[in-house]
PDB file of N, CA and C in Angstrom:
ATOM      1  N   ILE A   1      49.658  71.437 122.592  1.00  0.00           N
ATOM      2  CA  ILE A   1      51.048  71.417 122.101  1.00  0.00           C
ATOM      3  C   ILE A   1      51.286  72.610 121.173  1.00  0.00           C
ATOM      4  N   ASN A   2      50.350  72.857 120.298  1.00  0.00           N
ATOM      5  CA  ASN A   2      50.506  73.973 119.369  1.00  0.00           C
ATOM      6  C   ASN A   2      50.511  75.306 120.113  1.00  0.00           C
ATOM      7  N   PHE A   3      49.636  75.417 121.111  1.00  0.00           N
ATOM      8  CA  PHE A   3      49.549  76.667 121.881  1.00  0.00           C
ATOM      9  C   PHE A   3      50.846  76.938 122.635  1.00  0.00           C
ATOM     10  N   THR A   4      51.389  75.918 123.284  1.00  0.00           N
ATOM     11  CA  THR A   4      52.633  76.105 124.036  1.00  0.00           C
ATOM     12  C   THR A   4      53.772  76.462 123.083  1.00  0.00           C
ATOM     13  N   PHE A   5      53.786  75.827 121.931  1.00  0.00           N
ATOM     14  CA  PHE A   5      54.833  76.115 120.952  1.00  0.00           C
ATOM     15  C   PHE A   5      54.737  77.562 120.485  1.00  0.00           C
ATOM     16  N   ARG A   6      53.510  78.024 120.248  1.00  0.00           N
ATOM     17  CA  ARG A   6      53.322  79.400 119.818  1.00  0.00           C
ATOM     18  C   ARG A   6      53.744  80.364 120.918  1.00  0.00           C
ATOM     19  N   LEU A   7      53.446  80.002 122.156  1.00  0.00           N
ATOM     20  CA  LEU A   7      53.802  80.857 123.286  1.00  0.00           C
ATOM     21  C   LEU A   7      55.318  81.000 123.394  1.00  0.00           C
ATOM     22  N   THR A   8      56.019  79.881 123.329  1.00  0.00           N
ATOM     23  CA  THR A   8      57.480  79.927 123.426  1.00  0.00           C
ATOM     24  C   THR A   8      58.065  80.666 122.234  1.00  0.00           C
ATOM     25  N   LEU A   9      57.490  80.469 121.075  1.00  0.00           N
ATOM     26  CA  LEU A   9      57.994  81.138 119.874  1.00  0.00           C
ATOM     27  C   LEU A   9      57.830  82.647 119.986  1.00  0.00           C
ATOM     28  N   SER A  10      56.640  83.095 120.384  1.00  0.00           N
ATOM     29  CA  SER A  10      56.394  84.528 120.526  1.00  0.00           C
ATOM     30  C   SER A  10      57.272  85.114 121.627  1.00  0.00           C
ATOM     31  N   ARG A  11      57.428  84.352 122.709  1.00  0.00           N
ATOM     32  CA  ARG A  11      58.264  84.826 123.814  1.00  0.00           C
ATOM     33  C   ARG A  11      59.708  84.973 123.356  1.00  0.00           C
ATOM     34  N   ARG A  12      60.162  84.014 122.564  1.00  0.00           N
ATOM     35  CA  ARG A  12      61.536  84.041 122.091  1.00  0.00           C
ATOM     36  C   ARG A  12      61.750  85.185 121.098  1.00  0.00           C
ATOM     37  N   LEU A  13      60.704  85.518 120.356  1.00  0.00           N
ATOM     38  CA  LEU A  13      60.810  86.585 119.367  1.00  0.00           C
ATOM     39  C   LEU A  13      60.783  87.952 120.029  1.00  0.00           C
ATOM     40  N   SER A  14      59.969  88.101 121.067  1.00  0.00           N
ATOM     41  CA  SER A  14      59.830  89.397 121.719  1.00  0.00           C
ATOM     42  C   SER A  14      61.105  89.764 122.478  1.00  0.00           C
ATOM     43  N   SER A  15      61.372  89.054 123.577  1.00  0.00           N
ATOM     44  CA  SER A  15      62.588  89.324 124.347  1.00  0.00           C
ATOM     45  C   SER A  15      62.865  88.139 125.263  1.00  0.00           C
ATOM     46  N   PRO A  16      63.744  87.239 124.872  1.00  0.00           N
ATOM     47  CA  PRO A  16      64.022  86.028 125.654  1.00  0.00           C
ATOM     48  C   PRO A  16      64.671  86.331 126.999  1.00  0.00           C
ATOM     49  N   THR A  17      65.493  87.364 127.042  1.00  0.00           N
ATOM     50  CA  THR A  17      66.200  87.669 128.284  1.00  0.00           C
ATOM     51  C   THR A  17      65.219  88.068 129.385  1.00  0.00           C
ATOM     52  N   LEU A  18      64.257  88.927 129.047  1.00  0.00           N
ATOM     53  CA  LEU A  18      63.282  89.370 130.041  1.00  0.00           C
ATOM     54  C   LEU A  18      62.451  88.208 130.546  1.00  0.00           C
ATOM     55  N   SER A  19      62.010  87.369 129.639  1.00  0.00           N
ATOM     56  CA  SER A  19      61.187  86.222 130.049  1.00  0.00           C
ATOM     57  C   SER A  19      61.991  85.269 130.925  1.00  0.00           C
ATOM     58  N   GLU A  20      63.249  85.039 130.553  1.00  0.00           N
ATOM     59  CA  GLU A  20      64.090  84.140 131.358  1.00  0.00           C
ATOM     60  C   GLU A  20      64.310  84.721 132.750  1.00  0.00           C
ATOM     61  N   ILE A  21      64.548  86.017 132.826  1.00  0.00           N
ATOM     62  CA  ILE A  21      64.735  86.663 134.130  1.00  0.00           C
ATOM     63  C   ILE A  21      63.462  86.553 134.960  1.00  0.00           C
ATOM     64  N   TYR A  22      62.312  86.749 134.312  1.00  0.00           N
ATOM     65  CA  TYR A  22      61.042  86.661 135.033  1.00  0.00           C
ATOM     66  C   TYR A  22      60.806  85.244 135.541  1.00  0.00           C
ATOM     67  N   ILE A  23      61.121  84.252 134.718  1.00  0.00           N
ATOM     68  CA  ILE A  23      60.947  82.852 135.124  1.00  0.00           C
ATOM     69  C   ILE A  23      61.873  82.532 136.297  1.00  0.00           C
ATOM     70  N   GLN A  24      63.104  82.973 136.231  1.00  0.00           N
ATOM     71  CA  GLN A  24      64.041  82.728 137.334  1.00  0.00           C
ATOM     72  C   GLN A  24      63.558  83.432 138.600  1.00  0.00           C
ATOM     73  N   TYR A  25      63.029  84.632 138.440  1.00  0.00           N
ATOM     74  CA  TYR A  25      62.541  85.382 139.596  1.00  0.00           C
ATOM     75  C   TYR A  25      61.380  84.652 140.269  1.00  0.00           C
ATOM     76  N   THR A  26      60.438  84.169 139.481  1.00  0.00           N
ATOM     77  CA  THR A  26      59.304  83.441 140.038  1.00  0.00           C
ATOM     78  C   THR A  26      59.757  82.144 140.684  1.00  0.00           C
ATOM     79  N   ASN A  27      60.721  81.465 140.078  1.00  0.00           N
ATOM     80  CA  ASN A  27      61.224  80.217 140.657  1.00  0.00           C
ATOM     81  C   ASN A  27      61.882  80.485 142.007  1.00  0.00           C
ATOM     82  N   ILE A  28      62.673  81.542 142.093  1.00  0.00           N
ATOM     83  CA  ILE A  28      63.342  81.887 143.356  1.00  0.00           C
ATOM     84  C   ILE A  28      62.302  82.257 144.409  1.00  0.00           C
ATOM     85  N   LYS A  29      61.274  82.982 143.982  1.00  0.00           N
ATOM     86  CA  LYS A  29      60.233  83.373 144.928  1.00  0.00           C
ATOM     87  C   LYS A  29      59.525  82.146 145.489  1.00  0.00           C
ATOM     88  N   HIS A  30      59.206  81.203 144.610  1.00  0.00           N
ATOM     89  CA  HIS A  30      58.536  79.980 145.069  1.00  0.00           C
ATOM     90  C   HIS A  30      59.456  79.165 145.965  1.00  0.00           C
ATOM     91  N   THR A  31      60.737  79.126 145.629  1.00  0.00           N
ATOM     92  CA  THR A  31      61.677  78.361 146.448  1.00  0.00           C
ATOM     93  C   THR A  31      61.793  78.980 147.839  1.00  0.00           C
ATOM     94  N   TYR A  32      61.885  80.312 147.906  1.00  0.00           N
ATOM     95  CA  TYR A  32      61.970  80.971 149.208  1.00  0.00           C
ATOM     96  C   TYR A  32      60.711  80.718 150.030  1.00  0.00           C
ATOM     97  N   ARG A  33      59.556  80.750 149.356  1.00  0.00           N
ATOM     98  CA  ARG A  33      58.294  80.501 150.052  1.00  0.00           C
ATOM     99  C   ARG A  33      58.255  79.073 150.582  1.00  0.00           C
ATOM    100  N   TYR A  34      58.758  78.136 149.783  1.00  0.00           N
ATOM    101  CA  TYR A  34      58.779  76.731 150.206  1.00  0.00           C
ATOM    102  C   TYR A  34      59.697  76.547 151.408  1.00  0.00           C
ATOM    103  N   VAL A  35      60.872  77.149 151.350  1.00  0.00           N
ATOM    104  CA  VAL A  35      61.821  77.037 152.467  1.00  0.00           C
ATOM    105  C   VAL A  35      61.236  77.702 153.717  1.00  0.00           C
ATOM    106  N   PHE A  36      60.573  78.830 153.518  1.00  0.00           N
ATOM    107  CA  PHE A  36      59.972  79.530 154.655  1.00  0.00           C
ATOM    108  C   PHE A  36      58.893  78.669 155.302  1.00  0.00           C
ATOM    109  N   LEU A  37      58.131  77.953 154.483  1.00  0.00           N
ATOM    110  CA  LEU A  37      57.089  77.074 155.026  1.00  0.00           C
ATOM    111  C   LEU A  37      57.711  75.888 155.746  1.00  0.00           C
ATOM    112  N   LEU A  38      58.868  75.451 155.300  1.00  0.00           N
ATOM    113  CA  LEU A  38      59.521  74.302 155.941  1.00  0.00           C
ATOM    114  C   LEU A  38      60.093  74.689 157.298  1.00  0.00           C
ATOM    115  N   CYS A  39      60.594  75.920 157.411  1.00  0.00           N
ATOM    116  CA  CYS A  39      61.253  76.316 158.652  1.00  0.00           C
ATOM    117  C   CYS A  39      60.274  76.575 159.794  1.00  0.00           C
TER     118      CYS A  39
END
């Protein structure tokens, strides 16, 4: 719990926009891969 809190805190301090964009990008990539596997 402490480690995750520190990670989010440091991420928020450094640049939240970049991290959010990266998270959205990875989520979209996984979703496309999942849909591709379904088709």
